[in-house]
């Protein structure tokens, strides 16, 4: 079973930055990769998703603060998070889409103190 490899979470102060990374192992064509946030007592929601052609969608209140990238179309993706707010706190899950299937990472905790 494919397991995405995530890293980069942590505890920071409001206004700080973090960078998350996610890798999909193996040599497989990825049609899209993205990040989702599970905040306490809330449903999992989209943070950002990048399609293989380069199109990007951002979740509410993320664009302008967060930047998703996938250099050279490799199977590693980054999420640069700037000007973090307490409401950005939660577990961040990476998702990749390949060969018609979705794959998820184990999640990485991001905690932003006010």
N, C-alpha and C. Protein backbone atom coordinates (compact mmCIF):
# COMPACT_ATOMS: atom_id res chain seq x y z
N UNK A 1 0.84 -1.19 0.00
CA UNK A 1 0.00 0.00 0.00
C UNK A 1 0.88 1.24 0.00
N UNK A 2 0.55 2.17 -0.90
CA UNK A 2 1.33 3.39 -1.01
C UNK A 2 1.06 4.28 0.19
N UNK A 3 2.11 4.78 0.80
CA UNK A 3 1.97 5.71 1.93
C UNK A 3 2.73 6.99 1.59
N UNK A 4 2.01 8.09 1.53
CA UNK A 4 2.66 9.36 1.28
C UNK A 4 3.52 9.75 2.48
N UNK A 5 4.60 10.46 2.22
CA UNK A 5 5.53 10.86 3.27
C UNK A 5 5.42 12.37 3.46
N UNK A 6 4.98 12.77 4.64
CA UNK A 6 4.78 14.18 4.96
C UNK A 6 5.80 14.64 5.99
N UNK A 7 6.09 15.93 5.95
CA UNK A 7 6.94 16.51 6.99
C UNK A 7 6.72 18.01 7.04
N UNK A 8 7.17 18.64 8.13
CA UNK A 8 7.16 20.09 8.20
C UNK A 8 6.20 20.72 9.18
N UNK A 9 5.39 19.96 9.86
CA UNK A 9 4.48 20.56 10.82
C UNK A 9 5.23 21.05 12.06
N UNK A 10 4.50 21.69 12.95
CA UNK A 10 5.12 22.17 14.17
C UNK A 10 4.25 23.17 14.89
N UNK A 11 4.80 23.75 15.96
CA UNK A 11 4.10 24.75 16.76
C UNK A 11 4.78 26.10 16.57
N UNK A 12 3.99 27.10 16.19
CA UNK A 12 4.54 28.42 15.92
C UNK A 12 3.62 29.49 16.53
N UNK A 13 4.08 30.73 16.47
CA UNK A 13 3.28 31.88 16.90
C UNK A 13 2.55 32.46 15.69
N UNK A 14 1.45 33.13 15.97
CA UNK A 14 0.71 33.81 14.90
C UNK A 14 1.64 34.76 14.15
N UNK A 15 1.55 34.74 12.83
CA UNK A 15 2.40 35.57 12.00
C UNK A 15 3.64 34.85 11.48
N UNK A 16 3.95 33.71 12.07
CA UNK A 16 5.11 32.93 11.64
C UNK A 16 4.80 32.16 10.36
N UNK A 17 5.82 31.44 9.87
CA UNK A 17 5.70 30.66 8.64
C UNK A 17 6.10 29.21 8.89
N UNK A 18 5.55 28.33 8.09
CA UNK A 18 5.95 26.92 8.07
C UNK A 18 5.91 26.45 6.62
N UNK A 19 6.72 25.42 6.33
CA UNK A 19 6.66 24.80 5.02
C UNK A 19 6.44 23.30 5.20
N UNK A 20 5.38 22.81 4.58
CA UNK A 20 5.08 21.39 4.60
C UNK A 20 5.56 20.76 3.30
N UNK A 21 5.97 19.51 3.38
CA UNK A 21 6.34 18.78 2.17
C UNK A 21 5.65 17.43 2.16
N UNK A 22 5.44 16.92 0.97
CA UNK A 22 4.77 15.63 0.79
C UNK A 22 5.36 14.95 -0.43
N UNK A 23 5.69 13.69 -0.27
CA UNK A 23 6.24 12.91 -1.39
C UNK A 23 5.40 11.67 -1.62
N UNK A 24 5.17 11.39 -2.90
CA UNK A 24 4.50 10.15 -3.30
C UNK A 24 5.59 9.23 -3.81
N UNK A 25 5.86 8.13 -3.12
CA UNK A 25 6.96 7.27 -3.52
C UNK A 25 6.68 6.54 -4.83
N UNK A 26 7.77 6.15 -5.49
CA UNK A 26 7.62 5.37 -6.70
C UNK A 26 7.56 6.22 -7.95
N UNK A 27 7.66 5.56 -9.05
CA UNK A 27 7.65 6.22 -10.36
C UNK A 27 6.25 6.06 -10.95
N UNK A 28 5.41 7.03 -10.66
CA UNK A 28 4.04 6.96 -11.11
C UNK A 28 3.59 8.35 -11.53
N UNK A 29 2.75 8.42 -12.53
CA UNK A 29 2.27 9.71 -13.00
C UNK A 29 1.20 10.25 -12.05
N UNK A 30 1.47 11.42 -11.51
CA UNK A 30 0.55 12.05 -10.57
C UNK A 30 -0.32 13.06 -11.32
N UNK A 31 -1.62 12.97 -11.17
CA UNK A 31 -2.49 13.92 -11.84
C UNK A 31 -2.82 15.12 -10.95
N UNK A 32 -2.50 15.02 -9.67
CA UNK A 32 -2.72 16.15 -8.79
C UNK A 32 -2.27 15.83 -7.38
N UNK A 33 -1.88 16.87 -6.64
CA UNK A 33 -1.50 16.73 -5.23
C UNK A 33 -2.01 17.94 -4.48
N UNK A 34 -2.36 17.71 -3.21
CA UNK A 34 -2.87 18.83 -2.45
C UNK A 34 -2.85 18.59 -0.96
N UNK A 35 -3.32 19.59 -0.23
CA UNK A 35 -3.35 19.55 1.22
C UNK A 35 -4.76 19.84 1.73
N UNK A 36 -5.11 19.16 2.81
CA UNK A 36 -6.39 19.37 3.47
C UNK A 36 -6.13 19.55 4.96
N UNK A 37 -6.95 20.40 5.59
CA UNK A 37 -6.84 20.67 7.02
C UNK A 37 -8.01 20.07 7.78
N UNK A 38 -7.68 19.38 8.87
CA UNK A 38 -8.71 18.92 9.80
C UNK A 38 -8.52 19.71 11.09
N UNK A 39 -9.33 20.77 11.24
CA UNK A 39 -9.28 21.57 12.46
C UNK A 39 -10.12 20.91 13.53
N UNK A 40 -9.83 21.19 14.80
CA UNK A 40 -10.61 20.59 15.88
C UNK A 40 -12.10 20.87 15.74
N UNK A 41 -12.91 19.84 15.83
CA UNK A 41 -14.37 19.94 15.80
C UNK A 41 -14.88 20.46 14.46
N UNK A 42 -14.10 20.31 13.41
CA UNK A 42 -14.54 20.72 12.08
C UNK A 42 -14.29 19.60 11.09
N UNK A 43 -14.98 19.71 9.95
CA UNK A 43 -14.76 18.75 8.88
C UNK A 43 -13.42 19.03 8.20
N UNK A 44 -12.87 18.00 7.57
CA UNK A 44 -11.66 18.19 6.77
C UNK A 44 -12.00 19.12 5.60
N UNK A 45 -11.12 20.10 5.35
CA UNK A 45 -11.39 21.03 4.26
C UNK A 45 -10.16 21.28 3.42
N UNK A 46 -10.41 21.70 2.19
CA UNK A 46 -9.34 21.96 1.25
C UNK A 46 -8.49 23.15 1.69
N UNK A 47 -7.17 22.96 1.59
CA UNK A 47 -6.23 24.07 1.77
C UNK A 47 -5.75 24.54 0.40
N UNK A 48 -5.22 23.60 -0.37
CA UNK A 48 -4.75 23.92 -1.72
C UNK A 48 -4.57 22.63 -2.49
N UNK A 49 -4.80 22.70 -3.80
CA UNK A 49 -4.63 21.53 -4.64
C UNK A 49 -4.06 21.97 -5.97
N UNK A 50 -3.04 21.25 -6.43
CA UNK A 50 -2.41 21.57 -7.71
C UNK A 50 -2.57 20.41 -8.67
N UNK A 51 -3.08 20.70 -9.87
CA UNK A 51 -3.23 19.68 -10.89
C UNK A 51 -1.94 19.56 -11.71
N UNK A 52 -1.80 18.46 -12.40
CA UNK A 52 -0.58 18.20 -13.15
C UNK A 52 -0.30 19.29 -14.18
N UNK A 53 -1.32 19.89 -14.73
CA UNK A 53 -1.11 20.94 -15.72
C UNK A 53 -0.71 22.27 -15.12
N UNK A 54 -0.71 22.35 -13.79
CA UNK A 54 -0.29 23.58 -13.12
C UNK A 54 -1.41 24.38 -12.50
N UNK A 55 -2.65 24.06 -12.84
CA UNK A 55 -3.77 24.80 -12.25
C UNK A 55 -3.81 24.54 -10.74
N UNK A 56 -4.14 25.59 -10.01
CA UNK A 56 -4.17 25.51 -8.54
C UNK A 56 -5.49 26.06 -8.03
N UNK A 57 -6.03 25.39 -7.04
CA UNK A 57 -7.17 25.94 -6.31
C UNK A 57 -6.80 26.05 -4.84
N UNK A 58 -7.22 27.15 -4.22
CA UNK A 58 -6.97 27.37 -2.80
C UNK A 58 -8.29 27.38 -2.05
N UNK A 59 -8.22 26.91 -0.81
CA UNK A 59 -9.38 26.98 0.04
C UNK A 59 -9.63 28.40 0.52
N UNK A 60 -10.77 28.56 1.19
CA UNK A 60 -11.16 29.88 1.67
C UNK A 60 -10.10 30.44 2.61
N UNK A 61 -9.74 31.71 2.40
CA UNK A 61 -8.83 32.47 3.28
C UNK A 61 -7.39 31.97 3.23
N UNK A 62 -7.05 31.18 2.20
CA UNK A 62 -5.66 30.70 2.10
C UNK A 62 -4.86 31.45 1.05
N UNK A 63 -5.51 31.76 -0.08
CA UNK A 63 -4.78 32.40 -1.18
C UNK A 63 -4.23 33.74 -0.73
N UNK A 64 -2.98 33.96 -1.09
CA UNK A 64 -2.30 35.17 -0.65
C UNK A 64 -1.41 34.93 0.55
N UNK A 65 -1.75 33.92 1.34
CA UNK A 65 -0.90 33.55 2.48
C UNK A 65 -0.18 32.23 2.24
N UNK A 66 -0.84 31.33 1.54
CA UNK A 66 -0.28 30.00 1.30
C UNK A 66 0.08 29.86 -0.19
N UNK A 67 1.16 29.12 -0.44
CA UNK A 67 1.57 28.85 -1.81
C UNK A 67 1.92 27.37 -1.95
N UNK A 68 1.26 26.73 -2.90
CA UNK A 68 1.54 25.33 -3.17
C UNK A 68 2.45 25.25 -4.39
N UNK A 69 3.40 24.33 -4.35
CA UNK A 69 4.32 24.20 -5.49
C UNK A 69 4.74 22.75 -5.65
N UNK A 70 5.13 22.44 -6.85
CA UNK A 70 5.58 21.08 -7.17
C UNK A 70 6.68 21.25 -8.23
N UNK A 71 7.89 21.56 -7.79
CA UNK A 71 8.98 21.88 -8.71
C UNK A 71 9.28 20.76 -9.69
N UNK A 72 9.40 21.11 -10.94
CA UNK A 72 9.78 20.17 -12.00
C UNK A 72 8.80 19.01 -12.13
N UNK A 73 7.60 19.23 -11.67
CA UNK A 73 6.56 18.20 -11.79
C UNK A 73 6.98 16.87 -11.17
N UNK A 74 7.88 16.92 -10.19
CA UNK A 74 8.26 15.69 -9.51
C UNK A 74 7.17 15.29 -8.54
N UNK A 75 7.31 14.14 -7.95
CA UNK A 75 6.28 13.64 -7.04
C UNK A 75 6.49 14.13 -5.61
N UNK A 76 7.02 15.33 -5.48
CA UNK A 76 7.14 15.98 -4.18
C UNK A 76 6.50 17.35 -4.28
N UNK A 77 5.70 17.66 -3.28
CA UNK A 77 4.94 18.89 -3.28
C UNK A 77 5.23 19.65 -2.00
N UNK A 78 5.17 20.98 -2.08
CA UNK A 78 5.42 21.81 -0.92
C UNK A 78 4.24 22.76 -0.70
N UNK A 79 4.02 23.09 0.56
CA UNK A 79 3.03 24.10 0.91
C UNK A 79 3.72 25.12 1.80
N UNK A 80 3.96 26.30 1.27
CA UNK A 80 4.55 27.38 2.05
C UNK A 80 3.41 28.15 2.71
N UNK A 81 3.43 28.21 4.03
CA UNK A 81 2.36 28.87 4.78
C UNK A 81 2.95 30.08 5.50
N UNK A 82 2.51 31.26 5.11
CA UNK A 82 2.98 32.50 5.73
C UNK A 82 1.85 33.17 6.50
N UNK A 83 2.22 34.09 7.36
CA UNK A 83 1.24 34.85 8.15
C UNK A 83 0.22 33.91 8.79
N UNK A 84 0.71 32.90 9.45
CA UNK A 84 -0.17 31.90 10.05
C UNK A 84 -1.05 32.52 11.13
N UNK A 85 -2.27 31.98 11.21
CA UNK A 85 -3.26 32.44 12.17
C UNK A 85 -3.68 31.27 13.06
N UNK A 86 -4.20 31.57 14.24
CA UNK A 86 -4.65 30.47 15.12
C UNK A 86 -5.66 29.55 14.43
N UNK A 87 -6.48 30.07 13.55
CA UNK A 87 -7.46 29.23 12.87
C UNK A 87 -6.83 28.30 11.83
N UNK A 88 -5.55 28.45 11.59
CA UNK A 88 -4.85 27.50 10.72
C UNK A 88 -4.44 26.24 11.48
N UNK A 89 -4.67 26.23 12.78
CA UNK A 89 -4.34 25.06 13.60
C UNK A 89 -5.11 23.84 13.16
N UNK A 90 -4.43 22.70 13.12
CA UNK A 90 -5.10 21.45 12.78
C UNK A 90 -4.11 20.43 12.27
N UNK A 91 -4.64 19.30 11.87
CA UNK A 91 -3.83 18.27 11.24
C UNK A 91 -3.93 18.46 9.72
N UNK A 92 -2.79 18.52 9.09
CA UNK A 92 -2.75 18.74 7.64
C UNK A 92 -2.44 17.41 6.95
N UNK A 93 -3.31 17.04 6.03
CA UNK A 93 -3.17 15.78 5.31
C UNK A 93 -2.83 16.05 3.85
N UNK A 94 -1.86 15.32 3.37
CA UNK A 94 -1.51 15.39 1.96
C UNK A 94 -2.33 14.36 1.19
N UNK A 95 -2.75 14.72 -0.01
CA UNK A 95 -3.45 13.80 -0.88
C UNK A 95 -2.83 13.86 -2.26
N UNK A 96 -2.66 12.69 -2.86
CA UNK A 96 -2.24 12.65 -4.26
C UNK A 96 -3.26 11.83 -5.03
N UNK A 97 -3.35 12.12 -6.31
CA UNK A 97 -4.26 11.41 -7.19
C UNK A 97 -3.44 10.82 -8.33
N UNK A 98 -3.54 9.52 -8.50
CA UNK A 98 -2.76 8.83 -9.54
C UNK A 98 -3.54 7.61 -10.01
N UNK A 99 -3.55 7.43 -11.31
CA UNK A 99 -4.21 6.27 -11.91
C UNK A 99 -5.63 6.09 -11.39
N UNK A 100 -6.31 7.21 -11.22
CA UNK A 100 -7.70 7.16 -10.80
C UNK A 100 -7.93 6.87 -9.33
N UNK A 101 -6.85 6.85 -8.54
CA UNK A 101 -7.00 6.57 -7.12
C UNK A 101 -6.46 7.74 -6.30
N UNK A 102 -7.04 7.90 -5.11
CA UNK A 102 -6.56 8.91 -4.17
C UNK A 102 -5.74 8.23 -3.08
N UNK A 103 -4.64 8.88 -2.73
CA UNK A 103 -3.76 8.39 -1.67
C UNK A 103 -3.62 9.49 -0.62
N UNK A 104 -3.54 9.09 0.65
CA UNK A 104 -3.46 10.05 1.75
C UNK A 104 -2.23 9.81 2.60
N UNK A 105 -1.71 10.92 3.14
CA UNK A 105 -0.65 10.81 4.13
C UNK A 105 -1.23 10.60 5.51
N UNK A 106 -0.34 10.44 6.49
CA UNK A 106 -0.78 10.15 7.85
C UNK A 106 -1.16 11.42 8.61
N UNK A 107 -0.82 12.57 8.05
CA UNK A 107 -1.15 13.84 8.68
C UNK A 107 0.01 14.40 9.47
N UNK A 108 0.11 15.71 9.47
CA UNK A 108 1.13 16.39 10.26
C UNK A 108 0.48 17.55 11.00
N UNK A 109 0.79 17.68 12.29
CA UNK A 109 0.12 18.66 13.15
C UNK A 109 0.73 20.05 12.97
N UNK A 110 -0.14 21.03 12.80
CA UNK A 110 0.25 22.43 12.79
C UNK A 110 -0.51 23.13 13.90
N UNK A 111 0.22 23.78 14.80
CA UNK A 111 -0.40 24.50 15.91
C UNK A 111 0.09 25.94 15.88
N UNK A 112 -0.86 26.88 15.83
CA UNK A 112 -0.52 28.30 15.78
C UNK A 112 -1.09 28.97 17.02
N UNK A 113 -0.20 29.48 17.86
CA UNK A 113 -0.60 30.15 19.10
C UNK A 113 -0.81 31.63 18.84
N UNK A 114 -1.79 32.19 19.54
CA UNK A 114 -2.09 33.62 19.36
C UNK A 114 -1.19 34.49 20.21
